[in-house]
C-alpha atoms as a PDB file:
ATOM      1  CA  UNK A   1      97.782  49.488 133.496  1.00  0.00           C
ATOM      2  CA  UNK A   2      96.005  46.297 134.641  1.00  0.00           C
ATOM      3  CA  UNK A   3      98.168  43.353 135.757  1.00  0.00           C
ATOM      4  CA  UNK A   4      96.839  41.139 132.920  1.00  0.00           C
ATOM      5  CA  UNK A   5      98.074  43.631 130.302  1.00  0.00           C
ATOM      6  CA  UNK A   6     101.562  43.708 131.833  1.00  0.00           C
ATOM      7  CA  UNK A   7     101.748  39.904 131.805  1.00  0.00           C
ATOM      8  CA  UNK A   8     100.625  39.853 128.165  1.00  0.00           C
ATOM      9  CA  UNK A   9     103.377  42.316 127.161  1.00  0.00           C
ATOM     10  CA  UNK A  10     106.032  40.390 129.119  1.00  0.00           C
ATOM     11  CA  UNK A  11     105.041  37.111 127.440  1.00  0.00           C
ATOM     12  CA  UNK A  12     105.001  38.795 124.011  1.00  0.00           C
ATOM     13  CA  UNK A  13     108.429  40.330 124.662  1.00  0.00           C
ATOM     14  CA  UNK A  14     109.853  36.984 125.814  1.00  0.00           C
ATOM     15  CA  UNK A  15     108.546  35.236 122.686  1.00  0.00           C
ATOM     16  CA  UNK A  16     109.963  37.951 120.449  1.00  0.00           C
ATOM     17  CA  UNK A  17     113.413  37.814 122.086  1.00  0.00           C
ATOM     18  CA  UNK A  18     113.551  34.016 122.032  1.00  0.00           C
ATOM     19  CA  UNK A  19     112.521  33.787 118.367  1.00  0.00           C
ATOM     20  CA  UNK A  20     115.160  36.348 117.352  1.00  0.00           C
ATOM     21  CA  UNK A  21     117.770  34.470 119.376  1.00  0.00           C
ATOM     22  CA  UNK A  22     116.809  31.185 117.741  1.00  0.00           C
ATOM     23  CA  UNK A  23     116.855  32.701 114.261  1.00  0.00           C
ATOM     24  CA  UNK A  24     120.367  34.050 114.731  1.00  0.00           C
ATOM     25  CA  UNK A  25     121.673  30.669 115.870  1.00  0.00           C
ATOM     26  CA  UNK A  26     120.539  28.637 112.863  1.00  0.00           C
ATOM     27  CA  UNK A  27     123.208  26.242 111.667  1.00  0.00           C
ATOM     28  CA  UNK A  28     124.574  26.344 108.129  1.00  0.00           C
ATOM     29  CA  UNK A  29     123.536  23.147 106.327  1.00  0.00           C
ATOM     30  CA  UNK A  30     126.419  20.693 105.991  1.00  0.00           C
ATOM     31  CA  UNK A  31     126.011  20.600 102.204  1.00  0.00           C
ATOM     32  CA  UNK A  32     126.684  24.334 101.858  1.00  0.00           C
ATOM     33  CA  UNK A  33     130.344  25.166 101.238  1.00  0.00           C
ATOM     34  CA  UNK A  34     131.796  28.577 101.856  1.00  0.00           C
ATOM     35  CA  UNK A  35     134.828  29.859  99.964  1.00  0.00           C
ATOM     36  CA  UNK A  36     137.282  32.610 100.829  1.00  0.00           C
ATOM     37  CA  UNK A  37     136.720  35.908  99.078  1.00  0.00           C
ATOM     38  CA  UNK A  38     139.102  36.919  96.287  1.00  0.00           C
ATOM     39  CA  UNK A  39     141.840  39.410  97.238  1.00  0.00           C
ATOM     40  CA  UNK A  40     144.625  40.584  94.921  1.00  0.00           C
ATOM     41  CA  UNK A  41     148.257  40.646  96.101  1.00  0.00           C
ATOM     42  CA  UNK A  42     150.824  42.476  93.981  1.00  0.00           C
ATOM     43  CA  UNK A  43     154.226  42.053  95.613  1.00  0.00           C
ATOM     44  CA  UNK A  44     156.434  44.421  93.604  1.00  0.00           C
ATOM     45  CA  UNK A  45     157.849  47.792  94.622  1.00  0.00           C
ATOM     46  CA  UNK A  46     155.977  49.714  91.912  1.00  0.00           C
ATOM     47  CA  UNK A  47     152.543  48.381  92.763  1.00  0.00           C
ATOM     48  CA  UNK A  48     149.469  50.567  92.955  1.00  0.00           C
ATOM     49  CA  UNK A  49     147.162  48.455  95.134  1.00  0.00           C
ATOM     50  CA  UNK A  50     144.949  46.826  92.523  1.00  0.00           C
ATOM     51  CA  UNK A  51     147.186  47.130  89.474  1.00  0.00           C
ATOM     52  CA  UNK A  52     150.772  47.495  88.414  1.00  0.00           C
ATOM     53  CA  UNK A  53     151.842  51.141  88.137  1.00  0.00           C
ATOM     54  CA  UNK A  54     150.582  52.663  84.880  1.00  0.00           C
ATOM     55  CA  UNK A  55     148.826  49.418  83.924  1.00  0.00           C
ATOM     56  CA  UNK A  56     145.305  49.615  82.495  1.00  0.00           C
ATOM     57  CA  UNK A  57     144.371  46.331  84.221  1.00  0.00           C
ATOM     58  CA  UNK A  58     142.499  46.732  87.522  1.00  0.00           C
ATOM     59  CA  UNK A  59     142.601  43.371  89.303  1.00  0.00           C
ATOM     60  CA  UNK A  60     140.113  44.618  91.935  1.00  0.00           C
ATOM     61  CA  UNK A  61     137.308  45.311  89.472  1.00  0.00           C
ATOM     62  CA  UNK A  62     134.150  43.215  89.339  1.00  0.00           C
ATOM     63  CA  UNK A  63     135.275  41.205  86.282  1.00  0.00           C
ATOM     64  CA  UNK A  64     138.500  40.005  87.922  1.00  0.00           C
ATOM     65  CA  UNK A  65     137.017  39.373  91.375  1.00  0.00           C
ATOM     66  CA  UNK A  66     134.120  37.397  89.848  1.00  0.00           C
ATOM     67  CA  UNK A  67     136.472  35.329  87.650  1.00  0.00           C
ATOM     68  CA  UNK A  68     138.697  34.470  90.612  1.00  0.00           C
ATOM     69  CA  UNK A  69     135.729  33.737  92.905  1.00  0.00           C
ATOM     70  CA  UNK A  70     134.235  31.412  90.288  1.00  0.00           C
ATOM     71  CA  UNK A  71     137.568  29.613  89.870  1.00  0.00           C
ATOM     72  CA  UNK A  72     137.862  29.128  93.645  1.00  0.00           C
ATOM     73  CA  UNK A  73     134.363  27.636  93.787  1.00  0.00           C
ATOM     74  CA  UNK A  74     134.548  25.486  90.653  1.00  0.00           C
ATOM     75  CA  UNK A  75     138.175  24.602  89.836  1.00  0.00           C
ATOM     76  CA  UNK A  76     140.728  22.216  91.251  1.00  0.00           C
ATOM     77  CA  UNK A  77     144.388  23.187  91.695  1.00  0.00           C
ATOM     78  CA  UNK A  78     146.289  22.901  88.399  1.00  0.00           C
ATOM     79  CA  UNK A  79     149.525  24.750  89.215  1.00  0.00           C
ATOM     80  CA  UNK A  80     152.353  24.583  91.781  1.00  0.00           C
ATOM     81  CA  UNK A  81     150.648  21.770  93.768  1.00  0.00           C
ATOM     82  CA  UNK A  82     147.822  23.743  95.394  1.00  0.00           C
ATOM     83  CA  UNK A  83     147.212  26.842  93.242  1.00  0.00           C
ATOM     84  CA  UNK A  84     144.799  27.520  90.404  1.00  0.00           C
ATOM     85  CA  UNK A  85     146.286  29.215  87.350  1.00  0.00           C
ATOM     86  CA  UNK A  86     143.619  31.278  85.601  1.00  0.00           C
ATOM     87  CA  UNK A  87     143.620  33.352  82.422  1.00  0.00           C
ATOM     88  CA  UNK A  88     141.200  36.293  82.321  1.00  0.00           C
ATOM     89  CA  UNK A  89     140.126  37.995  79.100  1.00  0.00           C
ATOM     90  CA  UNK A  90     141.301  41.618  79.025  1.00  0.00           C
ATOM     91  CA  UNK A  91     140.785  42.867  75.470  1.00  0.00           C
ATOM     92  CA  UNK A  92     138.894  40.201  73.509  1.00  0.00           C
ATOM     93  CA  UNK A  93     139.165  42.126  70.241  1.00  0.00           C
ATOM     94  CA  UNK A  94     142.958  41.583  70.465  1.00  0.00           C
ATOM     95  CA  UNK A  95     142.736  38.111  72.094  1.00  0.00           C
ATOM     96  CA  UNK A  96     144.574  39.444  75.165  1.00  0.00           C
ATOM     97  CA  UNK A  97     144.420  37.693  78.542  1.00  0.00           C
ATOM     98  CA  UNK A  98     145.973  38.329  81.934  1.00  0.00           C
ATOM     99  CA  UNK A  99     147.218  35.459  84.108  1.00  0.00           C
ATOM    100  CA  UNK A 100     146.833  34.993  87.864  1.00  0.00           C
ATOM    101  CA  UNK A 101     147.789  32.279  90.352  1.00  0.00           C
ATOM    102  CA  UNK A 102     145.085  31.751  92.980  1.00  0.00           C
ATOM    103  CA  UNK A 103     145.519  30.263  96.442  1.00  0.00           C
ATOM    104  CA  UNK A 104     142.056  28.712  96.927  1.00  0.00           C
ATOM    105  CA  UNK A 105     142.591  28.284 100.682  1.00  0.00           C
ATOM    106  CA  UNK A 106     143.018  32.040 101.294  1.00  0.00           C
ATOM    107  CA  UNK A 107     141.423  33.683  98.247  1.00  0.00           C
ATOM    108  CA  UNK A 108     144.627  35.598  97.519  1.00  0.00           C
ATOM    109  CA  UNK A 109     145.577  35.807  93.860  1.00  0.00           C
ATOM    110  CA  UNK A 110     148.857  36.865  92.327  1.00  0.00           C
ATOM    111  CA  UNK A 111     149.063  38.317  88.792  1.00  0.00           C
ATOM    112  CA  UNK A 112     151.960  37.620  86.453  1.00  0.00           C
ATOM    113  CA  UNK A 113     153.612  41.066  86.008  1.00  0.00           C
ATOM    114  CA  UNK A 114     152.235  41.742  82.529  1.00  0.00           C
ATOM    115  CA  UNK A 115     149.119  43.488  81.258  1.00  0.00           C
ATOM    116  CA  UNK A 116     148.212  40.616  78.948  1.00  0.00           C
ATOM    117  CA  UNK A 117     149.446  37.955  76.576  1.00  0.00           C
ATOM    118  CA  UNK A 118     148.203  36.970  73.122  1.00  0.00           C
ATOM    119  CA  UNK A 119     149.353  35.151  70.033  1.00  0.00           C
ATOM    120  CA  UNK A 120     151.789  36.439  67.461  1.00  0.00           C
ATOM    121  CA  UNK A 121     150.346  36.953  63.956  1.00  0.00           C
ATOM    122  CA  UNK A 122     151.703  34.347  61.538  1.00  0.00           C
ATOM    123  CA  UNK A 123     150.846  32.649  58.235  1.00  0.00           C
ATOM    124  CA  UNK A 124     148.776  30.023  60.065  1.00  0.00           C
ATOM    125  CA  UNK A 125     147.250  32.493  62.537  1.00  0.00           C
ATOM    126  CA  UNK A 126     147.021  35.915  60.843  1.00  0.00           C
ATOM    127  CA  UNK A 127     145.108  37.479  63.753  1.00  0.00           C
ATOM    128  CA  UNK A 128     147.529  36.204  66.391  1.00  0.00           C
ATOM    129  CA  UNK A 129     144.781  34.509  68.380  1.00  0.00           C
ATOM    130  CA  UNK A 130     146.705  31.508  69.583  1.00  0.00           C
ATOM    131  CA  UNK A 131     149.064  32.637  72.334  1.00  0.00           C
ATOM    132  CA  UNK A 132     150.249  29.544  74.166  1.00  0.00           C
ATOM    133  CA  UNK A 133     150.603  29.216  77.924  1.00  0.00           C
ATOM    134  CA  UNK A 134     152.295  26.180  79.516  1.00  0.00           C
ATOM    135  CA  UNK A 135     152.192  25.180  83.187  1.00  0.00           C
ATOM    136  CA  UNK A 136     151.648  22.122  85.358  1.00  0.00           C
ATOM    137  CA  UNK A 137     150.345  20.946  88.703  1.00  0.00           C
ATOM    138  CA  UNK A 138     153.793  19.818  89.887  1.00  0.00           C
ATOM    139  CA  UNK A 139     155.708  22.939  88.808  1.00  0.00           C
ATOM    140  CA  UNK A 140     155.944  26.611  89.746  1.00  0.00           C
ATOM    141  CA  UNK A 141     156.870  27.546  86.147  1.00  0.00           C
ATOM    142  CA  UNK A 142     154.549  29.311  83.694  1.00  0.00           C
ATOM    143  CA  UNK A 143     155.745  29.879  80.126  1.00  0.00           C
ATOM    144  CA  UNK A 144     154.037  32.092  77.572  1.00  0.00           C
ATOM    145  CA  UNK A 145     154.816  31.687  73.873  1.00  0.00           C
ATOM    146  CA  UNK A 146     153.534  34.667  71.888  1.00  0.00           C
ATOM    147  CA  UNK A 147     153.226  38.371  72.625  1.00  0.00           C
ATOM    148  CA  UNK A 148     153.227  39.976  76.048  1.00  0.00           C
ATOM    149  CA  UNK A 149     152.021  43.509  76.669  1.00  0.00           C
ATOM    150  CA  UNK A 150     153.848  45.315  79.475  1.00  0.00           C
ATOM    151  CA  UNK A 151     153.737  49.051  80.122  1.00  0.00           C
ATOM    152  CA  UNK A 152     152.427  49.913  76.623  1.00  0.00           C
ATOM    153  CA  UNK A 153     155.081  47.790  74.847  1.00  0.00           C
ATOM    154  CA  UNK A 154     154.513  44.484  73.045  1.00  0.00           C
ATOM    155  CA  UNK A 155     157.336  41.932  73.017  1.00  0.00           C
ATOM    156  CA  UNK A 156     157.297  38.646  71.091  1.00  0.00           C
ATOM    157  CA  UNK A 157     158.984  35.453  72.248  1.00  0.00           C
ATOM    158  CA  UNK A 158     158.909  32.665  74.809  1.00  0.00           C
ATOM    159  CA  UNK A 159     158.727  34.050  78.360  1.00  0.00           C
ATOM    160  CA  UNK A 160     159.007  31.945  81.521  1.00  0.00           C
ATOM    161  CA  UNK A 161     157.992  33.044  85.006  1.00  0.00           C
ATOM    162  CA  UNK A 162     158.382  31.189  88.311  1.00  0.00           C
ATOM    163  CA  UNK A 163     156.024  31.610  91.262  1.00  0.00           C
ATOM    164  CA  UNK A 164     158.047  32.078  94.443  1.00  0.00           C
ATOM    165  CA  UNK A 165     157.276  33.734  97.797  1.00  0.00           C
ATOM    166  CA  UNK A 166     153.980  35.259  96.665  1.00  0.00           C
ATOM    167  CA  UNK A 167     155.160  36.713  93.363  1.00  0.00           C
ATOM    168  CA  UNK A 168     156.381  35.772  89.911  1.00  0.00           C
ATOM    169  CA  UNK A 169     160.074  36.009  89.077  1.00  0.00           C
ATOM    170  CA  UNK A 170     161.970  35.005  85.945  1.00  0.00           C
ATOM    171  CA  UNK A 171     161.569  36.965  82.732  1.00  0.00           C
ATOM    172  CA  UNK A 172     162.095  40.589  83.813  1.00  0.00           C
ATOM    173  CA  UNK A 173     159.311  43.077  83.061  1.00  0.00           C
ATOM    174  CA  UNK A 174     158.940  46.794  83.786  1.00  0.00           C
ATOM    175  CA  UNK A 175     156.427  45.923  86.509  1.00  0.00           C
ATOM    176  CA  UNK A 176     159.021  44.005  88.550  1.00  0.00           C
ATOM    177  CA  UNK A 177     161.134  47.060  89.449  1.00  0.00           C
END
């Protein structure tokens, strides 16, 4: 091979390597914000990874991960000082929603140990659409007034849960055992 051809290939190789090196070192624009990815944490003895044992709700499915990821990107803390409390539609035909507390700094989210909550049918709300959830930025308490579905059983009343050490305590449910 002539010496000129070798020099050409060496120069071409050097340009190729330097352009790849430069491309891999491009800085992320300062206006672009990255958020932690959503990861479920269920801290009860009867957990099954992504759901409570025997629960039909899979917190690792695309619907739940997308809802939590969107909340991390678009919502401000509204619960327990630095968490986001989010309701996620489970069975819209029955107005049922699950509830999770999200730590936006880590992406971890913690479900209340129920399958869903909804309203209780009444004279003013015959379909039971209007389940009420109460919580605040300065409190670790979440109260649900209506129906809760836990392990295939519906219970009506006012149920309060408290977020402590990465899980909800308070009103006992079958998923807390």
